[in-house]
Amino acid sequence: MRGLAGAVVGAIAARGMYAALTSGWGPGSGSGPVGARWNRVNFRGERVTLLEGPALAAGACTGTVLSPGLPVNLRMATVLAGGGAAAFGAYDDLSGTAGSRGFRGHLGALARGEVTTGAAKILGIGATSAAAAVAVARAPVDVLVNSALIAGSANLLNLFDLRPGRATKVALLVGAPALAHPVAGPIAAPALGAAAALLPEDLGERAMLGDSGANALGAMLGVAAAASLPRSARLGLLAGVVALTAASEFVSFTRVIAETPPLRRLDELGRRSTPFPAGHRPLPADLLAAPSAE
């Protein structure tokens, strides 16, 4: 498997960063070096930390920097895309509200003269994705296609981060075939290693990726695709990303998964089986990103 060293470094770095960031932190305690700003309410109504996201991004970028056999331009592109997506995602995690959601919501607010944190994130990730695309290939058409593919992948993976472990499982399933590719493997491996190392925290409902982690993971997988696939394949993949993103504005992925038995079983695999209290219903998706009440 190509990129094994990068996957190992990414996993070790992600676990180490997560341990450092959450030292002394406990759900509901608000203690530790960063405290309650990173607390959020999950779908059960329980408080968890979003620090999984920065830890994943830091681990993946560390693995990318130290991974052997990766050309300098691809190393730079991966760190630019992953680090930029993590930074703008963290900004939205910490400062965003549930007022405007989705592309339609943020762009509609922008049309009214209101710059939401989500719109700032979209523009920021678009810019860092374009910079990464230039590092991958210089032909104008390839820069355009790759920019859209990297940014679109970052956004699409974030749309799955509504249940414990779901976004990471999607990333691992989609990214696993890339590990056999001589170019895509070393790019994807550090991000996948970091994601796999932190999956137990996510499935155990102690932490969640948030925009920071999901956007970074999606962007780095987007770079792997941009750097390894022929243009026709990238255009086809981009069409799929756009179609799924557009569908998410009208269809609930959570509902589709729940109503499709094979997908539901995979989605629930490894997750806590603790039932909801009598009369309790899962929180709606539009509240999951809102800061928790203190």
Protein backbone atom coordinates (compact mmCIF):
# COMPACT_ATOMS: atom_id res chain seq x y z
CA MET A 1 0.00 0.00 0.00
CA ARG A 2 1.39 3.37 -1.03
CA GLY A 3 1.59 6.03 1.64
CA LEU A 4 1.68 3.63 4.61
CA ALA A 5 4.27 5.77 6.39
CA GLY A 6 2.13 8.87 5.90
CA ALA A 7 -0.94 7.06 7.26
CA VAL A 8 0.95 5.96 10.37
CA VAL A 9 2.39 9.44 10.99
CA GLY A 10 -1.03 11.01 10.39
CA ALA A 11 -2.69 8.64 12.85
CA ILE A 12 -0.06 9.14 15.57
CA ALA A 13 -0.03 12.92 15.12
CA ALA A 14 -3.85 13.13 15.20
CA ARG A 15 -4.09 11.08 18.41
CA GLY A 16 -1.34 13.13 20.03
CA MET A 17 -2.92 16.44 19.05
CA TYR A 18 -6.35 15.30 20.23
CA ALA A 19 -4.90 14.24 23.60
CA ALA A 20 -3.14 17.60 23.95
CA LEU A 21 -6.19 19.66 23.00
CA THR A 22 -8.61 17.75 25.22
CA SER A 23 -6.36 17.47 28.26
CA GLY A 24 -8.62 18.05 31.23
CA TRP A 25 -11.66 18.44 29.00
CA GLY A 26 -14.86 16.56 29.75
CA PRO A 27 -18.33 16.80 28.19
CA GLY A 28 -20.19 19.48 30.08
CA SER A 29 -17.21 20.47 32.20
CA GLY A 30 -16.07 23.42 30.10
CA SER A 31 -12.56 22.90 31.47
CA GLY A 32 -9.24 22.45 29.72
CA PRO A 33 -7.09 24.72 27.61
CA VAL A 34 -9.82 25.88 25.23
CA GLY A 35 -12.91 25.20 27.30
CA ALA A 36 -16.54 25.43 26.39
CA ARG A 37 -16.13 27.33 23.11
CA TRP A 38 -15.63 23.97 21.41
CA ASN A 39 -18.58 22.26 23.13
CA ARG A 40 -21.55 21.38 20.95
CA VAL A 41 -24.82 19.49 21.32
CA ASN A 42 -25.03 16.29 19.28
CA PHE A 43 -28.13 14.59 17.88
CA ARG A 44 -28.89 12.98 21.26
CA GLY A 45 -28.88 16.34 22.98
CA GLU A 46 -25.58 15.51 24.70
CA ARG A 47 -22.56 17.78 24.78
CA VAL A 48 -19.42 16.73 22.90
CA THR A 49 -16.26 18.46 21.74
CA LEU A 50 -15.48 19.67 18.23
CA LEU A 51 -11.74 19.37 18.88
CA GLU A 52 -11.64 16.16 16.85
CA GLY A 53 -11.65 18.37 13.75
CA PRO A 54 -8.52 20.46 14.45
CA ALA A 55 -6.73 17.33 15.69
CA LEU A 56 -7.55 15.46 12.48
CA ALA A 57 -6.44 18.37 10.28
CA ALA A 58 -3.19 18.81 12.21
CA GLY A 59 -2.44 15.09 12.07
CA ALA A 60 -3.22 14.84 8.37
CA CYS A 61 -1.07 17.86 7.50
CA THR A 62 1.79 16.53 9.63
CA GLY A 63 1.59 13.18 7.88
CA THR A 64 1.58 14.93 4.51
CA VAL A 65 4.66 16.99 5.33
CA LEU A 66 6.59 13.96 6.58
CA SER A 67 5.33 11.39 4.06
CA PRO A 68 8.17 10.14 1.84
CA GLY A 69 7.95 10.01 -1.94
CA LEU A 70 5.46 12.85 -2.38
CA PRO A 71 6.45 15.58 -4.90
CA VAL A 72 6.83 19.06 -3.38
CA ASN A 73 3.99 20.57 -5.41
CA LEU A 74 1.52 17.87 -4.32
CA ARG A 75 2.69 18.11 -0.73
CA MET A 76 2.08 21.86 -0.87
CA ALA A 77 -1.31 21.47 -2.55
CA THR A 78 -2.53 18.98 0.06
CA VAL A 79 -1.46 21.09 3.03
CA LEU A 80 -2.93 24.23 1.44
CA ALA A 81 -6.28 22.58 0.76
CA GLY A 82 -6.52 20.71 4.07
CA GLY A 83 -5.15 23.48 6.26
CA GLY A 84 -7.23 26.17 4.57
CA ALA A 85 -10.44 24.14 4.78
CA ALA A 86 -9.74 23.39 8.46
CA ALA A 87 -9.12 27.06 9.28
CA PHE A 88 -12.24 28.38 7.58
CA GLY A 89 -14.26 25.46 8.91
CA ALA A 90 -13.08 26.23 12.44
CA TYR A 91 -14.13 29.86 11.96
CA ASP A 92 -17.63 28.72 11.05
CA ASP A 93 -17.64 26.20 13.92
CA LEU A 94 -16.80 28.86 16.49
CA SER A 95 -18.66 31.88 15.10
CA GLY A 96 -21.48 30.47 13.00
CA THR A 97 -25.17 30.36 13.81
CA ALA A 98 -28.02 28.20 12.57
CA GLY A 99 -29.74 31.16 10.90
CA SER A 100 -28.66 30.47 7.31
CA ARG A 101 -27.71 26.97 6.19
CA GLY A 102 -26.68 25.33 2.94
CA PHE A 103 -25.51 26.99 -0.24
CA ARG A 104 -28.92 28.49 -0.89
CA GLY A 105 -29.13 29.97 2.59
CA HIS A 106 -25.66 31.51 2.59
CA LEU A 107 -25.79 32.79 -0.97
CA GLY A 108 -29.28 34.16 -0.38
CA ALA A 109 -28.02 36.04 2.66
CA LEU A 110 -25.08 37.33 0.61
CA ALA A 111 -27.49 38.61 -2.04
CA ARG A 112 -29.24 40.58 0.72
CA GLY A 113 -25.94 42.14 1.73
CA GLU A 114 -25.38 39.88 4.75
CA VAL A 115 -22.04 38.08 4.90
CA THR A 116 -22.61 34.97 7.03
CA THR A 117 -19.80 32.89 8.47
CA GLY A 118 -20.89 30.14 6.10
CA ALA A 119 -20.48 32.45 3.11
CA ALA A 120 -17.04 33.48 4.37
CA LYS A 121 -16.17 29.79 4.67
CA ILE A 122 -17.37 29.06 1.13
CA LEU A 123 -15.28 31.92 -0.27
CA GLY A 124 -12.26 31.04 1.86
CA ILE A 125 -12.27 27.36 0.98
CA GLY A 126 -12.79 28.32 -2.65
CA ALA A 127 -9.67 30.49 -2.51
CA THR A 128 -7.46 27.89 -0.82
CA SER A 129 -8.79 25.20 -3.17
CA ALA A 130 -7.83 27.39 -6.15
CA ALA A 131 -4.34 27.85 -4.72
CA ALA A 132 -4.02 24.10 -4.26
CA ALA A 133 -5.28 23.50 -7.80
CA VAL A 134 -2.59 25.77 -9.23
CA ALA A 135 0.02 23.68 -7.41
CA VAL A 136 -1.40 20.49 -8.93
CA ALA A 137 -1.62 21.60 -12.60
CA ARG A 138 -1.17 24.89 -14.43
CA ALA A 139 -3.45 24.46 -17.46
CA PRO A 140 -6.37 26.91 -16.98
CA VAL A 141 -9.08 24.31 -17.59
CA ASP A 142 -7.46 21.91 -15.11
CA VAL A 143 -7.11 24.64 -12.50
CA LEU A 144 -10.82 25.42 -12.87
CA VAL A 145 -11.92 21.79 -12.69
CA ASN A 146 -9.57 20.94 -9.82
CA SER A 147 -10.56 24.03 -7.80
CA ALA A 148 -14.23 23.08 -8.03
CA LEU A 149 -13.49 19.42 -7.26
CA ILE A 150 -11.42 20.18 -4.14
CA ALA A 151 -13.86 22.76 -2.77
CA GLY A 152 -16.88 20.63 -3.68
CA SER A 153 -15.41 17.56 -1.98
CA ALA A 154 -14.76 19.60 1.17
CA ASN A 155 -18.35 20.77 1.27
CA LEU A 156 -19.93 17.44 0.36
CA LEU A 157 -18.19 15.44 3.07
CA ASN A 158 -19.32 18.02 5.62
CA LEU A 159 -22.93 17.33 4.64
CA PHE A 160 -22.56 13.80 6.02
CA ASP A 161 -21.33 14.94 9.44
CA LEU A 162 -24.74 14.69 11.12
CA ARG A 163 -24.35 11.37 12.92
CA PRO A 164 -21.41 9.85 14.83
CA GLY A 165 -18.77 8.42 12.51
CA ARG A 166 -20.79 8.91 9.32
CA ALA A 167 -18.49 11.40 7.56
CA THR A 168 -15.39 9.39 8.48
CA LYS A 169 -16.95 6.16 7.21
CA VAL A 170 -17.81 7.86 3.90
CA ALA A 171 -14.26 9.18 3.61
CA LEU A 172 -12.71 5.79 4.38
CA LEU A 173 -14.94 3.97 1.88
CA VAL A 174 -14.42 6.52 -0.87
CA GLY A 175 -10.73 7.04 -0.19
CA ALA A 176 -9.62 3.44 0.33
CA PRO A 177 -9.25 2.63 -3.41
CA ALA A 178 -6.92 5.63 -3.78
CA LEU A 179 -4.37 3.96 -1.51
CA ALA A 180 -3.40 1.58 -4.31
CA HIS A 181 -2.62 4.43 -6.71
CA PRO A 182 1.00 5.61 -6.91
CA VAL A 183 0.01 9.30 -6.87
CA ALA A 184 -3.28 9.39 -4.97
CA GLY A 185 -2.13 6.96 -2.27
CA PRO A 186 0.53 9.12 -0.59
CA ILE A 187 -1.83 12.13 -0.73
CA ALA A 188 -4.88 10.42 0.76
CA ALA A 189 -3.12 8.16 3.27
CA PRO A 190 -2.24 10.74 5.97
CA ALA A 191 -5.80 12.10 6.02
CA LEU A 192 -7.34 8.63 6.11
CA GLY A 193 -4.90 7.51 8.82
CA ALA A 194 -5.77 10.52 10.98
CA ALA A 195 -9.50 9.96 10.41
CA ALA A 196 -9.30 6.26 11.30
CA ALA A 197 -7.31 7.01 14.45
CA LEU A 198 -10.00 9.39 15.73
CA LEU A 199 -13.02 7.34 14.59
CA PRO A 200 -13.43 5.69 18.05
CA GLU A 201 -13.90 9.13 19.62
CA ASP A 202 -16.56 9.96 17.05
CA LEU A 203 -18.41 6.64 17.31
CA GLY A 204 -18.21 6.82 21.11
CA GLU A 205 -19.94 10.22 20.91
CA ARG A 206 -17.20 11.94 22.83
CA ALA A 207 -16.28 14.17 19.88
CA MET A 208 -17.38 15.21 16.41
CA LEU A 209 -15.54 16.40 13.31
CA GLY A 210 -17.39 19.65 12.86
CA ASP A 211 -16.80 21.80 9.79
CA SER A 212 -13.08 21.99 10.56
CA GLY A 213 -12.46 18.26 10.37
CA ALA A 214 -14.99 17.29 7.71
CA ASN A 215 -14.02 20.12 5.35
CA ALA A 216 -10.31 19.36 5.74
CA LEU A 217 -10.78 15.63 5.16
CA GLY A 218 -12.93 16.19 2.09
CA ALA A 219 -10.53 18.77 0.63
CA MET A 220 -7.51 16.48 0.98
CA LEU A 221 -9.34 13.63 -0.72
CA GLY A 222 -10.27 16.12 -3.43
CA VAL A 223 -6.58 16.87 -3.99
CA ALA A 224 -5.87 13.14 -4.29
CA ALA A 225 -8.50 12.88 -7.02
CA ALA A 226 -7.37 16.07 -8.76
CA ALA A 227 -3.75 14.92 -8.88
CA SER A 228 -4.35 11.37 -10.10
CA LEU A 229 -7.41 11.16 -12.35
CA PRO A 230 -7.62 12.02 -16.06
CA ARG A 231 -9.65 15.09 -16.93
CA SER A 232 -12.68 13.12 -18.11
CA ALA A 233 -12.83 11.20 -14.83
CA ARG A 234 -12.45 14.39 -12.82
CA LEU A 235 -15.30 16.00 -14.74
CA GLY A 236 -17.50 12.97 -14.06
CA LEU A 237 -16.59 13.00 -10.37
CA LEU A 238 -17.25 16.74 -10.17
CA ALA A 239 -20.67 16.22 -11.75
CA GLY A 240 -21.46 13.65 -9.06
CA VAL A 241 -20.30 16.00 -6.29
CA VAL A 242 -22.44 18.83 -7.68
CA ALA A 243 -25.47 16.56 -8.06
CA LEU A 244 -25.26 15.27 -4.49
CA THR A 245 -24.72 18.77 -3.12
CA ALA A 246 -27.74 20.06 -5.02
CA ALA A 247 -29.81 17.10 -3.86
CA SER A 248 -28.93 17.85 -0.23
CA GLU A 249 -30.85 21.11 -0.50
CA PHE A 250 -34.07 19.16 -1.01
CA VAL A 251 -33.48 15.64 0.34
CA SER A 252 -32.32 14.60 3.81
CA PHE A 253 -29.34 12.25 3.57
CA THR A 254 -30.16 11.07 7.10
CA ARG A 255 -33.68 10.08 6.06
CA VAL A 256 -32.47 8.27 2.94
CA ILE A 257 -29.91 6.33 5.00
CA ALA A 258 -32.48 5.47 7.66
CA GLU A 259 -34.92 4.15 5.05
CA THR A 260 -32.31 2.01 3.23
CA PRO A 261 -31.47 -1.07 5.37
CA PRO A 262 -27.91 -1.75 4.07
CA LEU A 263 -26.97 1.92 4.45
CA ARG A 264 -28.61 2.10 7.87
CA ARG A 265 -26.68 -0.93 9.14
CA LEU A 266 -23.39 0.50 7.88
CA ASP A 267 -24.22 3.89 9.35
CA GLU A 268 -24.97 2.39 12.77
CA LEU A 269 -21.95 0.05 12.80
CA GLY A 270 -19.80 0.71 15.85
CA ARG A 271 -22.06 3.41 17.20
CA ARG A 272 -23.41 3.47 20.73
CA SER A 273 -26.55 1.37 21.02
CA THR A 274 -27.90 3.30 24.01
CA PRO A 275 -31.58 3.96 23.26
CA PHE A 276 -33.08 7.40 23.50
CA PRO A 277 -35.04 8.11 26.69
CA ALA A 278 -38.78 7.60 26.41
CA GLY A 279 -40.37 10.49 24.53
CA HIS A 280 -37.03 11.87 23.33
CA ARG A 281 -36.49 12.59 19.66
CA PRO A 282 -33.15 13.27 17.93
CA LEU A 283 -32.41 16.96 17.49
CA PRO A 284 -33.10 18.29 13.99
CA ALA A 285 -30.10 18.84 11.75
CA ASP A 286 -30.42 22.64 11.79
CA LEU A 287 -29.63 22.75 15.52
CA LEU A 288 -26.61 20.47 15.53
CA ALA A 289 -24.12 23.18 14.54
CA ALA A 290 -25.43 25.81 16.93
CA PRO A 291 -23.32 26.59 20.01
CA SER A 292 -24.50 24.74 23.07
CA ALA A 293 -26.14 26.61 25.89
CA GLU A 294 -23.99 27.07 28.93
